[in-house]
Amino acid sequence: MEPSLAASPGSEGQLRAVIESAPLAIIEVDPQSRVKLWNRASERIFGWTSAEMLGRPETEVVPSSKRAEHETLLARVRAGQSYIG
């Protein structure tokens, strides 16, 4: 999180509200690829609730036909490269 955002009063609550109201799935994973955040759009799109997904491997929602592509994208992100798409 950027320092200016982290220092703003109420910014965490505002960020949470944006994430929860986003029309796109927003999923945060830890370094071991376990789900840490699963927003409402993720619930709607993938069919699993946040309670069901928290702590589980995020690869459970990646179709087997897309796993190689997914791993390639994760490697890019972990290397500090950006991805838009």
C-alpha atoms as a PDB file:
ATOM      1  CA  MET A   1       0.000   0.000   0.000  1.00  0.00           C
ATOM      2  CA  GLU A   2       1.327   3.450  -0.816  1.00  0.00           C
ATOM      3  CA  PRO A   3       2.458   5.489   2.224  1.00  0.00           C
ATOM      4  CA  SER A   4      -0.025   8.296   1.514  1.00  0.00           C
ATOM      5  CA  LEU A   5      -2.901   5.816   1.437  1.00  0.00           C
ATOM      6  CA  ALA A   6      -1.703   3.960   4.534  1.00  0.00           C
ATOM      7  CA  ALA A   7      -1.479   7.216   6.501  1.00  0.00           C
ATOM      8  CA  SER A   8      -5.002   8.396   5.622  1.00  0.00           C
ATOM      9  CA  PRO A   9      -7.606   7.964   8.347  1.00  0.00           C
ATOM     10  CA  GLY A  10     -10.241   5.437   7.298  1.00  0.00           C
ATOM     11  CA  SER A  11      -8.327   4.457   4.172  1.00  0.00           C
ATOM     12  CA  GLU A  12      -8.374   0.737   5.005  1.00  0.00           C
ATOM     13  CA  GLY A  13     -12.147   0.786   5.377  1.00  0.00           C
ATOM     14  CA  GLN A  14     -12.510   2.725   2.155  1.00  0.00           C
ATOM     15  CA  LEU A  15     -10.255   0.296   0.303  1.00  0.00           C
ATOM     16  CA  ARG A  16     -12.243  -2.651   1.681  1.00  0.00           C
ATOM     17  CA  ALA A  17     -15.486  -1.029   0.479  1.00  0.00           C
ATOM     18  CA  VAL A  18     -14.059  -0.550  -3.017  1.00  0.00           C
ATOM     19  CA  ILE A  19     -12.852  -4.155  -3.151  1.00  0.00           C
ATOM     20  CA  GLU A  20     -16.171  -5.537  -1.931  1.00  0.00           C
ATOM     21  CA  SER A  21     -18.241  -3.434  -4.352  1.00  0.00           C
ATOM     22  CA  ALA A  22     -16.029  -4.076  -7.403  1.00  0.00           C
ATOM     23  CA  PRO A  23     -17.774  -5.871 -10.280  1.00  0.00           C
ATOM     24  CA  LEU A  24     -14.615  -7.917 -10.938  1.00  0.00           C
ATOM     25  CA  ALA A  25     -13.245 -10.795  -8.904  1.00  0.00           C
ATOM     26  CA  ILE A  26     -10.447  -9.605  -6.622  1.00  0.00           C
ATOM     27  CA  ILE A  27      -8.460 -12.377  -4.999  1.00  0.00           C
ATOM     28  CA  GLU A  28      -5.430 -11.893  -2.766  1.00  0.00           C
ATOM     29  CA  VAL A  29      -3.122 -14.822  -2.122  1.00  0.00           C
ATOM     30  CA  ASP A  30      -0.175 -15.309   0.205  1.00  0.00           C
ATOM     31  CA  PRO A  31       3.292 -16.466  -0.965  1.00  0.00           C
ATOM     32  CA  GLN A  32       2.093 -20.089  -0.716  1.00  0.00           C
ATOM     33  CA  SER A  33      -0.874 -19.295  -3.020  1.00  0.00           C
ATOM     34  CA  ARG A  34      -3.478 -19.621  -0.261  1.00  0.00           C
ATOM     35  CA  VAL A  35      -6.473 -17.308  -0.537  1.00  0.00           C
ATOM     36  CA  LYS A  36      -6.357 -14.353   1.884  1.00  0.00           C
ATOM     37  CA  LEU A  37      -9.090 -12.204   0.310  1.00  0.00           C
ATOM     38  CA  TRP A  38     -12.104 -13.244  -1.795  1.00  0.00           C
ATOM     39  CA  ASN A  39     -14.526 -10.449  -2.656  1.00  0.00           C
ATOM     40  CA  ARG A  40     -18.270 -10.623  -3.423  1.00  0.00           C
ATOM     41  CA  ALA A  41     -17.683 -10.675  -7.177  1.00  0.00           C
ATOM     42  CA  SER A  42     -15.424 -13.712  -6.681  1.00  0.00           C
ATOM     43  CA  GLU A  43     -18.300 -15.390  -4.868  1.00  0.00           C
ATOM     44  CA  ARG A  44     -20.691 -14.594  -7.708  1.00  0.00           C
ATOM     45  CA  ILE A  45     -18.292 -15.538 -10.516  1.00  0.00           C
ATOM     46  CA  PHE A  46     -16.778 -18.701  -9.050  1.00  0.00           C
ATOM     47  CA  GLY A  47     -19.655 -19.885  -6.853  1.00  0.00           C
ATOM     48  CA  TRP A  48     -17.724 -20.299  -3.594  1.00  0.00           C
ATOM     49  CA  THR A  49     -18.160 -18.046  -0.595  1.00  0.00           C
ATOM     50  CA  SER A  50     -15.303 -16.206   1.044  1.00  0.00           C
ATOM     51  CA  ALA A  51     -15.627 -18.507   4.074  1.00  0.00           C
ATOM     52  CA  GLU A  52     -15.216 -21.534   1.809  1.00  0.00           C
ATOM     53  CA  MET A  53     -12.138 -20.175   0.022  1.00  0.00           C
ATOM     54  CA  LEU A  54     -10.093 -18.425   2.718  1.00  0.00           C
ATOM     55  CA  GLY A  55      -6.962 -20.441   3.410  1.00  0.00           C
ATOM     56  CA  ARG A  56      -7.469 -22.764   0.427  1.00  0.00           C
ATOM     57  CA  PRO A  57      -5.139 -22.950  -2.585  1.00  0.00           C
ATOM     58  CA  GLU A  58      -6.191 -20.413  -5.209  1.00  0.00           C
ATOM     59  CA  THR A  59      -5.411 -22.960  -7.917  1.00  0.00           C
ATOM     60  CA  GLU A  60      -8.682 -24.711  -7.032  1.00  0.00           C
ATOM     61  CA  VAL A  61     -10.532 -22.146  -9.164  1.00  0.00           C
ATOM     62  CA  VAL A  62      -8.115 -22.338 -12.109  1.00  0.00           C
ATOM     63  CA  PRO A  63      -9.313 -24.787 -14.779  1.00  0.00           C
ATOM     64  CA  SER A  64      -6.778 -27.517 -15.531  1.00  0.00           C
ATOM     65  CA  SER A  65      -6.583 -26.275 -19.128  1.00  0.00           C
ATOM     66  CA  LYS A  66      -5.353 -22.872 -17.850  1.00  0.00           C
ATOM     67  CA  ARG A  67      -2.969 -23.949 -15.065  1.00  0.00           C
ATOM     68  CA  ALA A  68       0.236 -23.649 -17.132  1.00  0.00           C
ATOM     69  CA  GLU A  69      -0.723 -20.143 -18.259  1.00  0.00           C
ATOM     70  CA  HIS A  70      -1.654 -19.255 -14.669  1.00  0.00           C
ATOM     71  CA  GLU A  71       1.713 -20.453 -13.343  1.00  0.00           C
ATOM     72  CA  THR A  72       3.529 -18.419 -16.016  1.00  0.00           C
ATOM     73  CA  LEU A  73       1.626 -15.272 -15.028  1.00  0.00           C
ATOM     74  CA  LEU A  74       2.286 -15.876 -11.322  1.00  0.00           C
ATOM     75  CA  ALA A  75       6.001 -16.249 -12.026  1.00  0.00           C
ATOM     76  CA  ARG A  76       5.988 -12.900 -13.850  1.00  0.00           C
ATOM     77  CA  VAL A  77       4.203 -11.154 -10.982  1.00  0.00           C
ATOM     78  CA  ARG A  78       6.513 -12.712  -8.388  1.00  0.00           C
ATOM     79  CA  ALA A  79       9.468 -11.437 -10.441  1.00  0.00           C
ATOM     80  CA  GLY A  80       8.098  -7.913 -10.135  1.00  0.00           C
ATOM     81  CA  GLN A  81       6.667  -7.632 -13.623  1.00  0.00           C
ATOM     82  CA  SER A  82       3.238  -6.145 -14.126  1.00  0.00           C
ATOM     83  CA  TYR A  83       0.351  -7.889 -15.807  1.00  0.00           C
ATOM     84  CA  ILE A  84      -2.759  -6.353 -17.313  1.00  0.00           C
ATOM     85  CA  GLY A  85      -5.263  -8.552 -19.022  1.00  0.00           C
END
